[in-house]
Protein backbone atom coordinates (compact mmCIF):
# COMPACT_ATOMS: atom_id res chain seq x y z
CA UNK A 1 -48.88 109.24 -16.77
CA UNK A 2 -45.31 109.36 -17.96
CA UNK A 3 -43.60 112.27 -19.72
CA UNK A 4 -42.29 111.00 -23.07
CA UNK A 5 -40.44 112.55 -25.96
CA UNK A 6 -43.78 112.69 -27.78
CA UNK A 7 -45.35 114.71 -24.98
CA UNK A 8 -42.42 117.11 -24.91
CA UNK A 9 -42.81 117.61 -28.65
CA UNK A 10 -46.57 118.04 -28.33
CA UNK A 11 -46.24 120.64 -25.59
CA UNK A 12 -43.64 122.49 -27.62
CA UNK A 13 -45.90 122.41 -30.64
CA UNK A 14 -48.86 123.66 -28.63
CA UNK A 15 -46.79 126.49 -27.24
CA UNK A 16 -45.64 127.38 -30.72
CA UNK A 17 -49.23 127.96 -31.75
CA UNK A 18 -49.21 131.16 -29.73
CA UNK A 19 -46.00 132.50 -31.24
CA UNK A 20 -46.09 131.53 -34.92
CA UNK A 21 -47.94 134.06 -37.13
CA UNK A 22 -51.23 132.72 -38.43
CA UNK A 23 -50.06 132.98 -42.03
CA UNK A 24 -47.20 130.59 -41.29
CA UNK A 25 -49.40 127.84 -39.89
CA UNK A 26 -49.98 124.81 -42.10
CA UNK A 27 -53.49 124.10 -40.82
CA UNK A 28 -55.97 126.95 -41.21
CA UNK A 29 -59.19 127.10 -39.20
CA UNK A 30 -62.68 127.27 -40.73
CA UNK A 31 -66.23 128.19 -39.81
CA UNK A 32 -68.06 125.26 -41.41
CA UNK A 33 -67.34 121.73 -42.51
CA UNK A 34 -66.33 122.59 -46.07
CA UNK A 35 -62.62 122.84 -45.37
CA UNK A 36 -62.32 120.17 -42.69
CA UNK A 37 -60.77 117.38 -44.76
CA UNK A 38 -58.12 119.73 -46.12
CA UNK A 39 -57.45 120.95 -42.59
CA UNK A 40 -56.94 117.37 -41.37
CA UNK A 41 -54.43 116.72 -44.13
CA UNK A 42 -52.55 119.93 -43.28
CA UNK A 43 -52.67 119.25 -39.55
CA UNK A 44 -51.26 115.75 -40.00
CA UNK A 45 -48.31 117.21 -41.91
CA UNK A 46 -47.82 119.86 -39.22
CA UNK A 47 -48.03 117.29 -36.40
CA UNK A 48 -45.60 114.95 -38.14
CA UNK A 49 -43.15 117.83 -38.50
CA UNK A 50 -43.52 118.40 -34.75
CA UNK A 51 -42.53 114.81 -33.98
CA UNK A 52 -45.82 112.93 -33.92
CA UNK A 53 -45.47 109.42 -35.31
CA UNK A 54 -47.18 108.84 -38.68
CA UNK A 55 -48.58 105.56 -37.33
CA UNK A 56 -50.21 107.42 -34.44
CA UNK A 57 -51.64 109.99 -36.82
CA UNK A 58 -53.01 107.36 -39.17
CA UNK A 59 -54.66 105.43 -36.32
CA UNK A 60 -56.00 108.55 -34.66
CA UNK A 61 -57.53 110.08 -37.80
CA UNK A 62 -58.75 106.88 -39.46
CA UNK A 63 -62.39 107.61 -38.61
CA UNK A 64 -62.35 111.33 -37.83
CA UNK A 65 -65.15 113.39 -39.32
CA UNK A 66 -66.46 116.93 -38.92
CA UNK A 67 -68.89 116.72 -36.00
CA UNK A 68 -71.86 119.05 -36.33
CA UNK A 69 -73.26 117.93 -32.98
CA UNK A 70 -70.07 119.16 -31.35
CA UNK A 71 -70.44 122.56 -32.99
CA UNK A 72 -74.09 122.76 -31.92
CA UNK A 73 -73.13 121.91 -28.33
CA UNK A 74 -70.32 124.47 -28.36
CA UNK A 75 -72.72 127.20 -29.48
CA UNK A 76 -75.60 126.20 -27.23
CA UNK A 77 -74.42 126.10 -23.61
CA UNK A 78 -77.47 128.00 -22.39
CA UNK A 79 -77.81 126.32 -18.99
CA UNK A 80 -74.82 128.27 -17.70
CA UNK A 81 -76.86 131.47 -18.09
CA UNK A 82 -79.64 130.26 -15.78
CA UNK A 83 -80.21 131.43 -12.20
CA UNK A 84 -78.85 129.20 -9.45
CA UNK A 85 -82.26 127.73 -8.64
CA UNK A 86 -83.09 127.10 -12.29
CA UNK A 87 -79.68 125.55 -12.91
CA UNK A 88 -80.02 123.24 -9.91
CA UNK A 89 -83.44 122.13 -11.12
CA UNK A 90 -82.33 121.60 -14.71
CA UNK A 91 -79.22 119.64 -13.71
CA UNK A 92 -80.89 117.57 -11.00
CA UNK A 93 -79.07 119.09 -8.05
CA UNK A 94 -81.41 117.64 -5.39
CA UNK A 95 -81.04 114.13 -6.82
CA UNK A 96 -77.24 114.47 -6.89
CA UNK A 97 -77.27 115.45 -3.20
CA UNK A 98 -79.55 112.56 -2.25
CA UNK A 99 -77.64 109.92 -4.16
CA UNK A 100 -74.30 111.52 -3.36
CA UNK A 101 -74.74 111.03 0.37
CA UNK A 102 -75.19 107.30 -0.22
CA UNK A 103 -72.19 107.23 -2.55
CA UNK A 104 -70.07 108.79 0.15
CA UNK A 105 -71.20 106.26 2.76
CA UNK A 106 -70.60 103.26 0.51
CA UNK A 107 -67.15 104.44 -0.63
CA UNK A 108 -65.74 105.78 2.64
CA UNK A 109 -62.35 104.09 2.29
CA UNK A 110 -61.84 105.42 -1.25
CA UNK A 111 -62.73 108.99 -0.36
CA UNK A 112 -60.62 108.88 2.82
CA UNK A 113 -57.65 107.69 0.76
CA UNK A 114 -58.14 110.44 -1.81
CA UNK A 115 -58.40 113.11 0.87
CA UNK A 116 -55.22 111.90 2.54
CA UNK A 117 -53.40 111.97 -0.77
CA UNK A 118 -54.73 115.20 -2.30
CA UNK A 119 -56.40 117.10 0.55
CA UNK A 120 -59.80 117.20 -1.19
CA UNK A 121 -62.87 115.94 0.72
CA UNK A 122 -65.60 113.78 -0.77
CA UNK A 123 -68.29 116.46 -1.21
CA UNK A 124 -66.99 118.46 -4.16
CA UNK A 125 -65.68 115.33 -5.89
CA UNK A 126 -69.07 113.66 -5.63
CA UNK A 127 -70.78 116.87 -6.77
CA UNK A 128 -68.62 117.04 -9.89
CA UNK A 129 -69.04 113.31 -10.57
CA UNK A 130 -72.82 113.55 -10.27
CA UNK A 131 -73.08 116.78 -12.23
CA UNK A 132 -70.89 115.66 -15.10
CA UNK A 133 -72.05 112.10 -15.80
CA UNK A 134 -74.67 111.07 -13.25
CA UNK A 135 -71.99 109.10 -11.36
CA UNK A 136 -70.66 107.50 -14.51
CA UNK A 137 -74.04 106.51 -15.93
CA UNK A 138 -73.70 108.63 -19.07
CA UNK A 139 -70.32 109.68 -20.43
CA UNK A 140 -71.39 110.73 -23.92
CA UNK A 141 -71.72 109.10 -27.33
CA UNK A 142 -69.65 111.37 -29.57
CA UNK A 143 -66.48 110.16 -31.26
CA UNK A 144 -63.82 111.78 -29.09
CA UNK A 145 -61.17 112.44 -31.72
CA UNK A 146 -63.76 113.81 -34.15
CA UNK A 147 -65.04 116.17 -31.45
CA UNK A 148 -61.59 117.47 -30.53
CA UNK A 149 -60.49 117.73 -34.17
CA UNK A 150 -63.66 119.61 -35.10
CA UNK A 151 -63.06 122.19 -32.38
CA UNK A 152 -59.38 122.46 -33.28
CA UNK A 153 -60.44 123.23 -36.85
CA UNK A 154 -63.26 125.60 -35.84
CA UNK A 155 -62.04 129.20 -35.68
CA UNK A 156 -63.82 130.03 -32.41
CA UNK A 157 -61.20 128.42 -30.12
CA UNK A 158 -58.79 126.85 -32.55
CA UNK A 159 -55.56 127.34 -30.58
CA UNK A 160 -57.06 125.98 -27.37
CA UNK A 161 -58.44 122.84 -28.97
CA UNK A 162 -55.38 122.29 -31.14
CA UNK A 163 -53.51 121.91 -27.86
CA UNK A 164 -56.22 119.47 -26.74
CA UNK A 165 -55.75 117.53 -29.98
CA UNK A 166 -52.02 117.21 -29.42
CA UNK A 167 -52.79 115.91 -25.93
CA UNK A 168 -55.29 113.42 -27.36
CA UNK A 169 -52.63 112.16 -29.75
CA UNK A 170 -50.32 111.72 -26.75
CA UNK A 171 -52.97 109.58 -25.08
CA UNK A 172 -53.43 107.51 -28.23
CA UNK A 173 -49.69 106.97 -28.56
CA UNK A 174 -49.39 105.64 -25.01
CA UNK A 175 -52.51 103.50 -25.12
CA UNK A 176 -54.65 105.63 -22.80
CA UNK A 177 -57.16 106.60 -25.50
CA UNK A 178 -58.66 104.20 -28.04
CA UNK A 179 -59.00 105.94 -31.43
CA UNK A 180 -62.61 104.71 -31.49
CA UNK A 181 -63.44 106.04 -28.02
CA UNK A 182 -66.65 107.97 -27.49
CA UNK A 183 -67.40 110.62 -24.93
CA UNK A 184 -68.85 114.09 -24.51
CA UNK A 185 -69.43 116.64 -27.25
CA UNK A 186 -66.28 118.68 -26.59
CA UNK A 187 -64.04 115.61 -26.38
CA UNK A 188 -64.24 115.25 -22.61
CA UNK A 189 -63.22 111.81 -21.36
CA UNK A 190 -64.50 109.61 -18.56
CA UNK A 191 -66.59 109.70 -15.42
CA UNK A 192 -65.76 113.29 -14.49
CA UNK A 193 -65.24 114.55 -18.05
CA UNK A 194 -61.59 115.50 -18.46
CA UNK A 195 -60.39 117.19 -21.60
CA UNK A 196 -57.33 115.40 -23.04
CA UNK A 197 -54.76 117.93 -21.79
CA UNK A 198 -56.09 117.57 -18.26
CA UNK A 199 -55.77 113.78 -18.48
CA UNK A 200 -52.11 114.26 -19.41
CA UNK A 201 -51.50 116.83 -16.67
CA UNK A 202 -53.61 115.53 -13.81
CA UNK A 203 -54.48 111.90 -14.56
CA UNK A 204 -53.89 109.87 -11.38
CA UNK A 205 -53.93 106.16 -10.63
CA UNK A 206 -56.50 105.82 -7.86
CA UNK A 207 -56.90 102.04 -7.79
CA UNK A 208 -53.21 101.08 -7.82
CA UNK A 209 -53.17 99.12 -11.08
CA UNK A 210 -50.46 101.28 -12.65
CA UNK A 211 -52.76 102.83 -15.26
CA UNK A 212 -55.06 105.81 -15.54
CA UNK A 213 -58.51 104.73 -16.71
CA UNK A 214 -60.89 107.68 -16.61
CA UNK A 215 -63.76 105.62 -18.03
CA UNK A 216 -63.66 102.24 -16.31
CA UNK A 217 -62.23 103.17 -12.90
CA UNK A 218 -64.17 105.43 -10.57
CA UNK A 219 -61.13 105.52 -8.31
CA UNK A 220 -58.94 106.85 -11.11
CA UNK A 221 -61.55 109.40 -12.20
CA UNK A 222 -62.06 110.72 -8.67
CA UNK A 223 -58.35 110.75 -7.80
CA UNK A 224 -57.65 112.61 -11.03
CA UNK A 225 -60.37 115.15 -10.20
CA UNK A 226 -58.86 115.70 -6.76
CA UNK A 227 -55.44 116.09 -8.37
CA UNK A 228 -56.89 118.66 -10.77
CA UNK A 229 -58.33 120.68 -7.89
CA UNK A 230 -55.05 120.49 -5.98
CA UNK A 231 -53.26 121.61 -9.12
CA UNK A 232 -55.55 124.64 -9.20
CA UNK A 233 -54.69 125.75 -5.69
CA UNK A 234 -56.79 123.55 -3.40
CA UNK A 235 -55.62 123.85 0.21
CA UNK A 236 -56.22 120.89 2.50
CA UNK A 237 -58.60 121.74 5.32
CA UNK A 238 -59.73 125.09 3.90
CA UNK A 239 -63.33 125.86 2.99
CA UNK A 240 -64.69 125.74 -0.55
CA UNK A 241 -67.76 127.96 -0.39
CA UNK A 242 -67.87 131.31 -2.25
CA UNK A 243 -65.35 133.64 -0.66
CA UNK A 244 -63.37 130.79 0.93
CA UNK A 245 -59.88 129.77 -0.25
CA UNK A 246 -60.81 126.67 -2.23
CA UNK A 247 -63.68 128.16 -4.22
CA UNK A 248 -61.14 129.39 -6.78
CA UNK A 249 -60.05 125.79 -7.41
CA UNK A 250 -63.65 124.91 -8.28
CA UNK A 251 -63.63 127.92 -10.60
CA UNK A 252 -60.65 126.32 -12.31
CA UNK A 253 -62.84 123.35 -13.14
CA UNK A 254 -65.55 125.36 -14.90
CA UNK A 255 -65.67 129.05 -15.73
CA UNK A 256 -69.45 129.40 -15.29
CA UNK A 257 -70.30 131.07 -11.97
CA UNK A 258 -73.60 129.20 -11.59
CA UNK A 259 -71.81 125.86 -12.05
CA UNK A 260 -69.22 126.79 -9.42
CA UNK A 261 -71.95 127.77 -6.97
CA UNK A 262 -73.81 124.51 -7.60
CA UNK A 263 -70.73 122.35 -6.98
CA UNK A 264 -69.95 124.24 -3.77
CA UNK A 265 -73.53 123.93 -2.52
CA UNK A 266 -73.96 120.27 -3.45
CA UNK A 267 -70.60 119.41 -1.93
CA UNK A 268 -71.51 121.20 1.28
CA UNK A 269 -74.78 119.28 1.55
CA UNK A 270 -72.98 115.98 1.03
CA UNK A 271 -70.14 116.73 3.41
CA UNK A 272 -72.53 118.08 6.03
CA UNK A 273 -70.47 121.23 6.49
């Protein structure tokens, strides 16, 4: 992923969101869909003023709509409040372990290459891959740009997802994200479910074709996941169970304690550690 003038402008714009008084912002957040179209119009003006190409904006927003399913998903993440055992059962932890062991055996060269490059073993990568999309079998059916735009407009986490929207526009401008792409309810992309900013920051070419394809290339998705973990403090050769040095990198992936525990446990069972 290359750093372009657009990305520099987008990062600057995202940073400005935390310093410009709310009253001075062109695009105002809302709590329901009533003001969404007006917000899109204001955001497009704001983004253009921050250096985003009008052609990119027109392509990106051509089919963007307020996504009520995204809002429902954002308000209803109840599984993260379950006990460890209940969470493992609900998310199919035993099946991920069983299938994950076979995935590791059949992709030994890929996982060995990723570990040499990033220092991350197969177990936690396979755990995340299985947990997020069932090893790429289901990556979501929500219009990605609608999902990200809806959350950027929604007042709950507007600044955070406005930054994600700028990153998504970066991906559109460089051909990494089709404006019609579909994915998870929060705008996550690909086999391990990266938000747009994480694709920009940590996207890695794992199959050597010179591109980062989080959807079609398992090698890219897994290499990018390893790069994310390394970027969050992963230390090659150190343990990743609770209390060990690399558990905090897993925490960087997802803030829910029960999710972190599940990834560490599943990874341990797959790695045989």
